[in-house]
Amino acid sequence: QFPDQRLPLSEYYDPDPATPDKTYGTRGAFIDGFQFDWINRRVPKK
């Protein structure tokens, strides 16, 4: 199920496909835990 950080279903889900500005889909496949090592790669934080 979509986590709230990506798509809060309480605000965007509706089982009726015709409901404006809503989606009937509730699941996805997500990448977890990626953090870019900007320090060792010497990329400015800004």
ModelCIF file with pLDDT and N, C-alpha, C, O atoms, coordinates in Angstrom:
data_MODEL
#
_entry.id   MODEL 
#
_entity.id                         1 
_entity.type                       polymer 
_entity.pdbx_number_of_molecules   1 
#
_entity_poly.entity_id                      1 
_entity_poly.type                           'polypeptide(L)' 
_entity_poly.nstd_linkage                   no 
_entity_poly.nstd_monomer                   no 
_entity_poly.pdbx_seq_one_letter_code       QFPDQRLPLSEYYDPDPATPDKTYGTRGAFIDGFQFDWINRRVPKK 
_entity_poly.pdbx_seq_one_letter_code_can   QFPDQRLPLSEYYDPDPATPDKTYGTRGAFIDGFQFDWINRRVPKK 
_entity_poly.pdbx_strand_id                 A 
#
loop_
_entity_poly_seq.entity_id 
_entity_poly_seq.num 
_entity_poly_seq.mon_id 
_entity_poly_seq.hetero 
1 1  GLN n 
1 2  PHE n 
1 3  PRO n 
1 4  ASP n 
1 5  GLN n 
1 6  ARG n 
1 7  LEU n 
1 8  PRO n 
1 9  LEU n 
1 10 SER n 
1 11 GLU n 
1 12 TYR n 
1 13 TYR n 
1 14 ASP n 
1 15 PRO n 
1 16 ASP n 
1 17 PRO n 
1 18 ALA n 
1 19 THR n 
1 20 PRO n 
1 21 ASP n 
1 22 LYS n 
1 23 THR n 
1 24 TYR n 
1 25 GLY n 
1 26 THR n 
1 27 ARG n 
1 28 GLY n 
1 29 ALA n 
1 30 PHE n 
1 31 ILE n 
1 32 ASP n 
1 33 GLY n 
1 34 PHE n 
1 35 GLN n 
1 36 PHE n 
1 37 ASP n 
1 38 TRP n 
1 39 ILE n 
1 40 ASN n 
1 41 ARG n 
1 42 ARG n 
1 43 VAL n 
1 44 PRO n 
1 45 LYS n 
1 46 LYS n 
#
_struct_asym.id          A 
_struct_asym.entity_id   1 
#
loop_
_ma_qa_metric.id 
_ma_qa_metric.mode 
_ma_qa_metric.name 
_ma_qa_metric.software_group_id 
_ma_qa_metric.type 
1 global pLDDT . pLDDT 
2 local  pLDDT . pLDDT 
#
_ma_qa_metric_global.metric_id      1 
_ma_qa_metric_global.metric_value   95.63 
_ma_qa_metric_global.model_id       1 
_ma_qa_metric_global.ordinal_id     1 
#
loop_
_ma_qa_metric_local.label_asym_id 
_ma_qa_metric_local.label_comp_id 
_ma_qa_metric_local.label_seq_id 
_ma_qa_metric_local.metric_id 
_ma_qa_metric_local.metric_value 
_ma_qa_metric_local.model_id 
_ma_qa_metric_local.ordinal_id 
A GLN 1  2 98.00 1 1  
A PHE 2  2 97.00 1 2  
A PRO 3  2 96.00 1 3  
A ASP 4  2 95.00 1 4  
A GLN 5  2 91.00 1 5  
A ARG 6  2 92.00 1 6  
A LEU 7  2 95.00 1 7  
A PRO 8  2 97.00 1 8  
A LEU 9  2 97.00 1 9  
A SER 10 2 97.00 1 10 
A GLU 11 2 97.00 1 11 
A TYR 12 2 98.00 1 12 
A TYR 13 2 98.00 1 13 
A ASP 14 2 98.00 1 14 
A PRO 15 2 97.00 1 15 
A ASP 16 2 97.00 1 16 
A PRO 17 2 96.00 1 17 
A ALA 18 2 96.00 1 18 
A THR 19 2 98.00 1 19 
A PRO 20 2 97.00 1 20 
A ASP 21 2 97.00 1 21 
A LYS 22 2 98.00 1 22 
A THR 23 2 98.00 1 23 
A TYR 24 2 98.00 1 24 
A GLY 25 2 97.00 1 25 
A THR 26 2 98.00 1 26 
A ARG 27 2 98.00 1 27 
A GLY 28 2 98.00 1 28 
A ALA 29 2 98.00 1 29 
A PHE 30 2 97.00 1 30 
A ILE 31 2 96.00 1 31 
A ASP 32 2 91.00 1 32 
A GLY 33 2 88.00 1 33 
A PHE 34 2 94.00 1 34 
A GLN 35 2 92.00 1 35 
A PHE 36 2 95.00 1 36 
A ASP 37 2 94.00 1 37 
A TRP 38 2 95.00 1 38 
A ILE 39 2 95.00 1 39 
A ASN 40 2 93.00 1 40 
A ARG 41 2 93.00 1 41 
A ARG 42 2 93.00 1 42 
A VAL 43 2 95.00 1 43 
A PRO 44 2 94.00 1 44 
A LYS 45 2 94.00 1 45 
A LYS 46 2 93.00 1 46 
#
loop_
_atom_site.group_PDB 
_atom_site.id 
_atom_site.type_symbol 
_atom_site.label_atom_id 
_atom_site.label_alt_id 
_atom_site.label_comp_id 
_atom_site.label_asym_id 
_atom_site.label_entity_id 
_atom_site.label_seq_id 
_atom_site.pdbx_PDB_ins_code 
_atom_site.Cartn_x 
_atom_site.Cartn_y 
_atom_site.Cartn_z 
_atom_site.occupancy 
_atom_site.B_iso_or_equiv 
_atom_site.pdbx_formal_charge 
_atom_site.auth_seq_id 
_atom_site.auth_comp_id 
_atom_site.auth_asym_id 
_atom_site.auth_atom_id 
_atom_site.pdbx_PDB_model_num 
ATOM 1   N N  . GLN A 1 1  ? 0.835   -1.202 0.000   1.00 98.00 ? 1  GLN A N  1 
ATOM 2   C CA . GLN A 1 1  ? 0.000   0.000  0.000   1.00 98.00 ? 1  GLN A CA 1 
ATOM 3   C C  . GLN A 1 1  ? 0.869   1.252  0.000   1.00 98.00 ? 1  GLN A C  1 
ATOM 4   O O  . GLN A 1 1  ? 1.946   1.285  0.595   1.00 98.00 ? 1  GLN A O  1 
ATOM 5   N N  . PHE A 1 2  ? 0.375   2.272  -0.678  1.00 97.00 ? 2  PHE A N  1 
ATOM 6   C CA . PHE A 1 2  ? 1.085   3.544  -0.714  1.00 97.00 ? 2  PHE A CA 1 
ATOM 7   C C  . PHE A 1 2  ? 1.277   4.086  0.701   1.00 97.00 ? 2  PHE A C  1 
ATOM 8   O O  . PHE A 1 2  ? 0.307   4.207  1.450   1.00 97.00 ? 2  PHE A O  1 
ATOM 9   N N  . PRO A 1 3  ? 2.518   4.415  1.076   1.00 96.00 ? 3  PRO A N  1 
ATOM 10  C CA . PRO A 1 3  ? 2.711   5.081  2.360   1.00 96.00 ? 3  PRO A CA 1 
ATOM 11  C C  . PRO A 1 3  ? 2.225   6.523  2.283   1.00 96.00 ? 3  PRO A C  1 
ATOM 12  O O  . PRO A 1 3  ? 2.209   7.123  1.208   1.00 96.00 ? 3  PRO A O  1 
ATOM 13  N N  . ASP A 1 4  ? 1.833   7.071  3.415   1.00 95.00 ? 4  ASP A N  1 
ATOM 14  C CA . ASP A 1 4  ? 1.301   8.437  3.435   1.00 95.00 ? 4  ASP A CA 1 
ATOM 15  C C  . ASP A 1 4  ? 2.317   9.457  2.939   1.00 95.00 ? 4  ASP A C  1 
ATOM 16  O O  . ASP A 1 4  ? 1.945   10.502 2.405   1.00 95.00 ? 4  ASP A O  1 
ATOM 17  N N  . GLN A 1 5  ? 3.627   9.149  3.118   1.00 91.00 ? 5  GLN A N  1 
ATOM 18  C CA . GLN A 1 5  ? 4.648   10.088 2.663   1.00 91.00 ? 5  GLN A CA 1 
ATOM 19  C C  . GLN A 1 5  ? 4.685   10.223 1.152   1.00 91.00 ? 5  GLN A C  1 
ATOM 20  O O  . GLN A 1 5  ? 5.151   11.234 0.625   1.00 91.00 ? 5  GLN A O  1 
ATOM 21  N N  . ARG A 1 6  ? 4.196   9.205  0.451   1.00 92.00 ? 6  ARG A N  1 
ATOM 22  C CA . ARG A 1 6  ? 4.206   9.244  -1.002  1.00 92.00 ? 6  ARG A CA 1 
ATOM 23  C C  . ARG A 1 6  ? 2.845   9.634  -1.569  1.00 92.00 ? 6  ARG A C  1 
ATOM 24  O O  . ARG A 1 6  ? 2.763   10.434 -2.501  1.00 92.00 ? 6  ARG A O  1 
ATOM 25  N N  . LEU A 1 7  ? 1.786   9.074  -1.012  1.00 95.00 ? 7  LEU A N  1 
ATOM 26  C CA . LEU A 1 7  ? 0.431   9.411  -1.456  1.00 95.00 ? 7  LEU A CA 1 
ATOM 27  C C  . LEU A 1 7  ? -0.542  9.107  -0.322  1.00 95.00 ? 7  LEU A C  1 
ATOM 28  O O  . LEU A 1 7  ? -0.882  7.944  -0.107  1.00 95.00 ? 7  LEU A O  1 
ATOM 29  N N  . PRO A 1 8  ? -0.998  10.125 0.408   1.00 97.00 ? 8  PRO A N  1 
ATOM 30  C CA . PRO A 1 8  ? -1.970  9.880  1.489   1.00 97.00 ? 8  PRO A CA 1 
ATOM 31  C C  . PRO A 1 8  ? -3.314  9.453  0.903   1.00 97.00 ? 8  PRO A C  1 
ATOM 32  O O  . PRO A 1 8  ? -4.045  10.271 0.344   1.00 97.00 ? 8  PRO A O  1 
ATOM 33  N N  . LEU A 1 9  ? -3.627  8.180  1.034   1.00 97.00 ? 9  LEU A N  1 
ATOM 34  C CA . LEU A 1 9  ? -4.847  7.650  0.433   1.00 97.00 ? 9  LEU A CA 1 
ATOM 35  C C  . LEU A 1 9  ? -6.101  8.273  1.033   1.00 97.00 ? 9  LEU A C  1 
ATOM 36  O O  . LEU A 1 9  ? -7.146  8.321  0.384   1.00 97.00 ? 9  LEU A O  1 
ATOM 37  N N  . SER A 1 10 ? -5.999  8.744  2.259   1.00 97.00 ? 10 SER A N  1 
ATOM 38  C CA . SER A 1 10 ? -7.163  9.378  2.876   1.00 97.00 ? 10 SER A CA 1 
ATOM 39  C C  . SER A 1 10 ? -7.584  10.634 2.116   1.00 97.00 ? 10 SER A C  1 
ATOM 40  O O  . SER A 1 10 ? -8.726  11.077 2.233   1.00 97.00 ? 10 SER A O  1 
ATOM 41  N N  . GLU A 1 11 ? -6.673  11.202 1.347   1.00 97.00 ? 11 GLU A N  1 
ATOM 42  C CA . GLU A 1 11 ? -6.961  12.419 0.601   1.00 97.00 ? 11 GLU A CA 1 
ATOM 43  C C  . GLU A 1 11 ? -7.122  12.187 -0.896  1.00 97.00 ? 11 GLU A C  1 
ATOM 44  O O  . GLU A 1 11 ? -7.755  12.989 -1.583  1.00 97.00 ? 11 GLU A O  1 
ATOM 45  N N  . TYR A 1 12 ? -6.553  11.097 -1.408  1.00 98.00 ? 12 TYR A N  1 
ATOM 46  C CA . TYR A 1 12 ? -6.531  10.914 -2.857  1.00 98.00 ? 12 TYR A CA 1 
ATOM 47  C C  . TYR A 1 12 ? -7.216  9.642  -3.354  1.00 98.00 ? 12 TYR A C  1 
ATOM 48  O O  . TYR A 1 12 ? -7.298  9.431  -4.564  1.00 98.00 ? 12 TYR A O  1 
ATOM 49  N N  . TYR A 1 13 ? -7.703  8.798  -2.464  1.00 98.00 ? 13 TYR A N  1 
ATOM 50  C CA . TYR A 1 13 ? -8.300  7.531  -2.905  1.00 98.00 ? 13 TYR A CA 1 
ATOM 51  C C  . TYR A 1 13 ? -9.813  7.623  -2.975  1.00 98.00 ? 13 TYR A C  1 
ATOM 52  O O  . TYR A 1 13 ? -10.458 8.203  -2.103  1.00 98.00 ? 13 TYR A O  1 
ATOM 53  N N  . ASP A 1 14 ? -10.362 7.044  -4.022  1.00 98.00 ? 14 ASP A N  1 
ATOM 54  C CA . ASP A 1 14 ? -11.803 6.824  -4.123  1.00 98.00 ? 14 ASP A CA 1 
ATOM 55  C C  . ASP A 1 14 ? -12.016 5.612  -5.019  1.00 98.00 ? 14 ASP A C  1 
ATOM 56  O O  . ASP A 1 14 ? -11.433 5.547  -6.101  1.00 98.00 ? 14 ASP A O  1 
ATOM 57  N N  . PRO A 1 15 ? -12.835 4.649  -4.601  1.00 97.00 ? 15 PRO A N  1 
ATOM 58  C CA . PRO A 1 15 ? -13.037 3.445  -5.407  1.00 97.00 ? 15 PRO A CA 1 
ATOM 59  C C  . PRO A 1 15 ? -13.745 3.702  -6.735  1.00 97.00 ? 15 PRO A C  1 
ATOM 60  O O  . PRO A 1 15 ? -13.683 2.876  -7.646  1.00 97.00 ? 15 PRO A O  1 
ATOM 61  N N  . ASP A 1 16 ? -14.408 4.830  -6.841  1.00 97.00 ? 16 ASP A N  1 
ATOM 62  C CA . ASP A 1 16 ? -15.114 5.162  -8.083  1.00 97.00 ? 16 ASP A CA 1 
ATOM 63  C C  . ASP A 1 16 ? -14.135 5.817  -9.061  1.00 97.00 ? 16 ASP A C  1 
ATOM 64  O O  . ASP A 1 16 ? -13.653 6.918  -8.792  1.00 97.00 ? 16 ASP A O  1 
ATOM 65  N N  . PRO A 1 17 ? -13.831 5.168  -10.189 1.00 96.00 ? 17 PRO A N  1 
ATOM 66  C CA . PRO A 1 17 ? -12.868 5.730  -11.139 1.00 96.00 ? 17 PRO A CA 1 
ATOM 67  C C  . PRO A 1 17 ? -13.287 7.086  -11.695 1.00 96.00 ? 17 PRO A C  1 
ATOM 68  O O  . PRO A 1 17 ? -12.446 7.831  -12.197 1.00 96.00 ? 17 PRO A O  1 
ATOM 69  N N  . ALA A 1 18 ? -14.570 7.418  -11.613 1.00 96.00 ? 18 ALA A N  1 
ATOM 70  C CA . ALA A 1 18 ? -15.057 8.672  -12.190 1.00 96.00 ? 18 ALA A CA 1 
ATOM 71  C C  . ALA A 1 18 ? -14.931 9.856  -11.237 1.00 96.00 ? 18 ALA A C  1 
ATOM 72  O O  . ALA A 1 18 ? -15.157 10.997 -11.641 1.00 96.00 ? 18 ALA A O  1 
ATOM 73  N N  . THR A 1 19 ? -14.578 9.606  -9.990  1.00 98.00 ? 19 THR A N  1 
ATOM 74  C CA . THR A 1 19 ? -14.463 10.708 -9.037  1.00 98.00 ? 19 THR A CA 1 
ATOM 75  C C  . THR A 1 19 ? -13.323 11.642 -9.433  1.00 98.00 ? 19 THR A C  1 
ATOM 76  O O  . THR A 1 19 ? -12.190 11.188 -9.597  1.00 98.00 ? 19 THR A O  1 
ATOM 77  N N  . PRO A 1 20 ? -13.594 12.923 -9.587  1.00 97.00 ? 20 PRO A N  1 
ATOM 78  C CA . PRO A 1 20 ? -12.538 13.853 -10.020 1.00 97.00 ? 20 PRO A CA 1 
ATOM 79  C C  . PRO A 1 20 ? -11.363 13.906 -9.044  1.00 97.00 ? 20 PRO A C  1 
ATOM 80  O O  . PRO A 1 20 ? -11.546 13.881 -7.827  1.00 97.00 ? 20 PRO A O  1 
ATOM 81  N N  . ASP A 1 21 ? -10.163 13.980 -9.598  1.00 97.00 ? 21 ASP A N  1 
ATOM 82  C CA . ASP A 1 21 ? -8.930  14.218 -8.830  1.00 97.00 ? 21 ASP A CA 1 
ATOM 83  C C  . ASP A 1 21 ? -8.636  13.125 -7.802  1.00 97.00 ? 21 ASP A C  1 
ATOM 84  O O  . ASP A 1 21 ? -7.955  13.370 -6.807  1.00 97.00 ? 21 ASP A O  1 
ATOM 85  N N  . LYS A 1 22 ? -9.152  11.919 -8.047  1.00 98.00 ? 22 LYS A N  1 
ATOM 86  C CA . LYS A 1 22 ? -8.905  10.794 -7.153  1.00 98.00 ? 22 LYS A CA 1 
ATOM 87  C C  . LYS A 1 22 ? -8.395  9.598  -7.960  1.00 98.00 ? 22 LYS A C  1 
ATOM 88  O O  . LYS A 1 22 ? -8.576  9.530  -9.176  1.00 98.00 ? 22 LYS A O  1 
ATOM 89  N N  . THR A 1 23 ? -7.754  8.657  -7.258  1.00 98.00 ? 23 THR A N  1 
ATOM 90  C CA . THR A 1 23 ? -7.313  7.413  -7.880  1.00 98.00 ? 23 THR A CA 1 
ATOM 91  C C  . THR A 1 23 ? -7.925  6.233  -7.145  1.00 98.00 ? 23 THR A C  1 
ATOM 92  O O  . THR A 1 23 ? -8.122  6.275  -5.930  1.00 98.00 ? 23 THR A O  1 
ATOM 93  N N  . TYR A 1 24 ? -8.219  5.188  -7.888  1.00 98.00 ? 24 TYR A N  1 
ATOM 94  C CA . TYR A 1 24 ? -8.748  3.972  -7.272  1.00 98.00 ? 24 TYR A CA 1 
ATOM 95  C C  . TYR A 1 24 ? -7.633  2.976  -6.964  1.00 98.00 ? 24 TYR A C  1 
ATOM 96  O O  . TYR A 1 24 ? -7.885  1.936  -6.356  1.00 98.00 ? 24 TYR A O  1 
ATOM 97  N N  . GLY A 1 25 ? -6.403  3.285  -7.379  1.00 97.00 ? 25 GLY A N  1 
ATOM 98  C CA . GLY A 1 25 ? -5.268  2.422  -7.079  1.00 97.00 ? 25 GLY A CA 1 
ATOM 99  C C  . GLY A 1 25 ? -4.739  2.683  -5.679  1.00 97.00 ? 25 GLY A C  1 
ATOM 100 O O  . GLY A 1 25 ? -4.670  3.832  -5.244  1.00 97.00 ? 25 GLY A O  1 
ATOM 101 N N  . THR A 1 26 ? -4.369  1.632  -4.975  1.00 98.00 ? 26 THR A N  1 
ATOM 102 C CA . THR A 1 26 ? -3.906  1.779  -3.592  1.00 98.00 ? 26 THR A CA 1 
ATOM 103 C C  . THR A 1 26 ? -2.500  1.244  -3.363  1.00 98.00 ? 26 THR A C  1 
ATOM 104 O O  . THR A 1 26 ? -1.926  1.454  -2.294  1.00 98.00 ? 26 THR A O  1 
ATOM 105 N N  . ARG A 1 27 ? -1.932  0.548  -4.360  1.00 98.00 ? 27 ARG A N  1 
ATOM 106 C CA . ARG A 1 27 ? -0.635  -0.099 -4.141  1.00 98.00 ? 27 ARG A CA 1 
ATOM 107 C C  . ARG A 1 27 ? 0.393   0.337  -5.168  1.00 98.00 ? 27 ARG A C  1 
ATOM 108 O O  . ARG A 1 27 ? 0.060   0.801  -6.258  1.00 98.00 ? 27 ARG A O  1 
ATOM 109 N N  . GLY A 1 28 ? 1.655   0.174  -4.787  1.00 98.00 ? 28 GLY A N  1 
ATOM 110 C CA . GLY A 1 28 ? 2.777   0.460  -5.671  1.00 98.00 ? 28 GLY A CA 1 
ATOM 111 C C  . GLY A 1 28 ? 3.961   -0.395 -5.259  1.00 98.00 ? 28 GLY A C  1 
ATOM 112 O O  . GLY A 1 28 ? 3.876   -1.179 -4.314  1.00 98.00 ? 28 GLY A O  1 
ATOM 113 N N  . ALA A 1 29 ? 5.072   -0.237 -5.980  1.00 98.00 ? 29 ALA A N  1 
ATOM 114 C CA . ALA A 1 29 ? 6.336   -0.890 -5.632  1.00 98.00 ? 29 ALA A CA 1 
ATOM 115 C C  . ALA A 1 29 ? 7.371   0.213  -5.477  1.00 98.00 ? 29 ALA A C  1 
ATOM 116 O O  . ALA A 1 29 ? 7.589   1.000  -6.398  1.00 98.00 ? 29 ALA A O  1 
ATOM 117 N N  . PHE A 1 30 ? 8.016   0.272  -4.303  1.00 97.00 ? 30 PHE A N  1 
ATOM 118 C CA . PHE A 1 30 ? 8.786   1.452  -3.938  1.00 97.00 ? 30 PHE A CA 1 
ATOM 119 C C  . PHE A 1 30 ? 10.238  1.118  -3.618  1.00 97.00 ? 30 PHE A C  1 
ATOM 120 O O  . PHE A 1 30 ? 10.554  0.047  -3.100  1.00 97.00 ? 30 PHE A O  1 
ATOM 121 N N  . ILE A 1 31 ? 11.106  2.066  -3.942  1.00 96.00 ? 31 ILE A N  1 
ATOM 122 C CA . ILE A 1 31 ? 12.507  2.003  -3.531  1.00 96.00 ? 31 ILE A CA 1 
ATOM 123 C C  . ILE A 1 31 ? 12.614  2.539  -2.111  1.00 96.00 ? 31 ILE A C  1 
ATOM 124 O O  . ILE A 1 31 ? 12.096  3.613  -1.804  1.00 96.00 ? 31 ILE A O  1 
ATOM 125 N N  . ASP A 1 32 ? 13.283  1.795  -1.257  1.00 91.00 ? 32 ASP A N  1 
ATOM 126 C CA . ASP A 1 32 ? 13.453  2.217  0.137   1.00 91.00 ? 32 ASP A CA 1 
ATOM 127 C C  . ASP A 1 32 ? 14.924  2.505  0.433   1.00 91.00 ? 32 ASP A C  1 
ATOM 128 O O  . ASP A 1 32 ? 15.822  1.859  -0.107  1.00 91.00 ? 32 ASP A O  1 
ATOM 129 N N  . GLY A 1 33 ? 15.143  3.474  1.291   1.00 88.00 ? 33 GLY A N  1 
ATOM 130 C CA . GLY A 1 33 ? 16.436  3.641  1.923   1.00 88.00 ? 33 GLY A CA 1 
ATOM 131 C C  . GLY A 1 33 ? 17.545  4.268  1.111   1.00 88.00 ? 33 GLY A C  1 
ATOM 132 O O  . GLY A 1 33 ? 18.697  4.245  1.543   1.00 88.00 ? 33 GLY A O  1 
ATOM 133 N N  . PHE A 1 34 ? 17.243  4.832  -0.060  1.00 94.00 ? 34 PHE A N  1 
ATOM 134 C CA . PHE A 1 34 ? 18.337  5.431  -0.829  1.00 94.00 ? 34 PHE A CA 1 
ATOM 135 C C  . PHE A 1 34 ? 18.760  6.752  -0.212  1.00 94.00 ? 34 PHE A C  1 
ATOM 136 O O  . PHE A 1 34 ? 17.935  7.631  0.036   1.00 94.00 ? 34 PHE A O  1 
ATOM 137 N N  . GLN A 1 35 ? 20.068  6.878  0.033   1.00 92.00 ? 35 GLN A N  1 
ATOM 138 C CA . GLN A 1 35 ? 20.655  8.121  0.508   1.00 92.00 ? 35 GLN A CA 1 
ATOM 139 C C  . GLN A 1 35 ? 21.918  8.385  -0.301  1.00 92.00 ? 35 GLN A C  1 
ATOM 140 O O  . GLN A 1 35 ? 22.817  7.547  -0.363  1.00 92.00 ? 35 GLN A O  1 
ATOM 141 N N  . PHE A 1 36 ? 21.973  9.542  -0.908  1.00 95.00 ? 36 PHE A N  1 
ATOM 142 C CA . PHE A 1 36 ? 23.117  9.884  -1.728  1.00 95.00 ? 36 PHE A CA 1 
ATOM 143 C C  . PHE A 1 36 ? 24.278  10.344 -0.848  1.00 95.00 ? 36 PHE A C  1 
ATOM 144 O O  . PHE A 1 36 ? 24.122  11.234 -0.012  1.00 95.00 ? 36 PHE A O  1 
ATOM 145 N N  . ASP A 1 37 ? 25.439  9.729  -1.047  1.00 94.00 ? 37 ASP A N  1 
ATOM 146 C CA . ASP A 1 37 ? 26.627  10.049 -0.263  1.00 94.00 ? 37 ASP A CA 1 
ATOM 147 C C  . ASP A 1 37 ? 27.317  11.269 -0.868  1.00 94.00 ? 37 ASP A C  1 
ATOM 148 O O  . ASP A 1 37 ? 28.347  11.149 -1.531  1.00 94.00 ? 37 ASP A O  1 
ATOM 149 N N  . TRP A 1 38 ? 26.739  12.431 -0.632  1.00 95.00 ? 38 TRP A N  1 
ATOM 150 C CA . TRP A 1 38 ? 27.248  13.651 -1.262  1.00 95.00 ? 38 TRP A CA 1 
ATOM 151 C C  . TRP A 1 38 ? 28.590  14.086 -0.688  1.00 95.00 ? 38 TRP A C  1 
ATOM 152 O O  . TRP A 1 38 ? 29.354  14.780 -1.360  1.00 95.00 ? 38 TRP A O  1 
ATOM 153 N N  . ILE A 1 39 ? 28.882  13.692 0.534   1.00 95.00 ? 39 ILE A N  1 
ATOM 154 C CA . ILE A 1 39 ? 30.149  14.096 1.143   1.00 95.00 ? 39 ILE A CA 1 
ATOM 155 C C  . ILE A 1 39 ? 31.323  13.398 0.462   1.00 95.00 ? 39 ILE A C  1 
ATOM 156 O O  . ILE A 1 39 ? 32.267  14.052 0.018   1.00 95.00 ? 39 ILE A O  1 
ATOM 157 N N  . ASN A 1 40 ? 31.263  12.063 0.379   1.00 93.00 ? 40 ASN A N  1 
ATOM 158 C CA . ASN A 1 40 ? 32.366  11.327 -0.247  1.00 93.00 ? 40 ASN A CA 1 
ATOM 159 C C  . ASN A 1 40 ? 32.457  11.575 -1.743  1.00 93.00 ? 40 ASN A C  1 
ATOM 160 O O  . ASN A 1 40 ? 33.522  11.428 -2.342  1.00 93.00 ? 40 ASN A O  1 
ATOM 161 N N  . ARG A 1 41 ? 31.342  11.949 -2.341  1.00 93.00 ? 41 ARG A N  1 
ATOM 162 C CA . ARG A 1 41 ? 31.381  12.246 -3.776  1.00 93.00 ? 41 ARG A CA 1 
ATOM 163 C C  . ARG A 1 41 ? 31.688  13.719 -4.045  1.00 93.00 ? 41 ARG A C  1 
ATOM 164 O O  . ARG A 1 41 ? 31.768  14.156 -5.193  1.00 93.00 ? 41 ARG A O  1 
ATOM 165 N N  . ARG A 1 42 ? 31.857  14.467 -2.963  1.00 93.00 ? 42 ARG A N  1 
ATOM 166 C CA . ARG A 1 42 ? 32.287  15.864 -3.043  1.00 93.00 ? 42 ARG A CA 1 
ATOM 167 C C  . ARG A 1 42 ? 31.331  16.714 -3.888  1.00 93.00 ? 42 ARG A C  1 
ATOM 168 O O  . ARG A 1 42 ? 31.741  17.504 -4.738  1.00 93.00 ? 42 ARG A O  1 
ATOM 169 N N  . VAL A 1 43 ? 30.057  16.515 -3.617  1.00 95.00 ? 43 VAL A N  1 
ATOM 170 C CA . VAL A 1 43 ? 29.027  17.338 -4.246  1.00 95.00 ? 43 VAL A CA 1 
ATOM 171 C C  . VAL A 1 43 ? 28.532  18.320 -3.194  1.00 95.00 ? 43 VAL A C  1 
ATOM 172 O O  . VAL A 1 43 ? 28.165  17.888 -2.102  1.00 95.00 ? 43 VAL A O  1 
ATOM 173 N N  . PRO A 1 44 ? 28.504  19.612 -3.469  1.00 94.00 ? 44 PRO A N  1 
ATOM 174 C CA . PRO A 1 44 ? 28.057  20.590 -2.471  1.00 94.00 ? 44 PRO A CA 1 
ATOM 175 C C  . PRO A 1 44 ? 26.635  20.308 -1.993  1.00 94.00 ? 44 PRO A C  1 
ATOM 176 O O  . PRO A 1 44 ? 25.755  19.968 -2.784  1.00 94.00 ? 44 PRO A O  1 
ATOM 177 N N  . LYS A 1 45 ? 26.430  20.453 -0.701  1.00 94.00 ? 45 LYS A N  1 
ATOM 178 C CA . LYS A 1 45 ? 25.112  20.202 -0.118  1.00 94.00 ? 45 LYS A CA 1 
ATOM 179 C C  . LYS A 1 45 ? 24.058  21.099 -0.757  1.00 94.00 ? 45 LYS A C  1 
ATOM 180 O O  . LYS A 1 45 ? 22.926  20.664 -0.971  1.00 94.00 ? 45 LYS A O  1 
ATOM 181 N N  . LYS A 1 46 ? 24.406  22.314 -1.058  1.00 93.00 ? 46 LYS A N  1 
ATOM 182 C CA . LYS A 1 46 ? 23.470  23.238 -1.686  1.00 93.00 ? 46 LYS A CA 1 
ATOM 183 C C  . LYS A 1 46 ? 23.004  22.700 -3.039  1.00 93.00 ? 46 LYS A C  1 
ATOM 184 O O  . LYS A 1 46 ? 22.208  23.347 -3.719  1.00 93.00 ? 46 LYS A O  1 
#
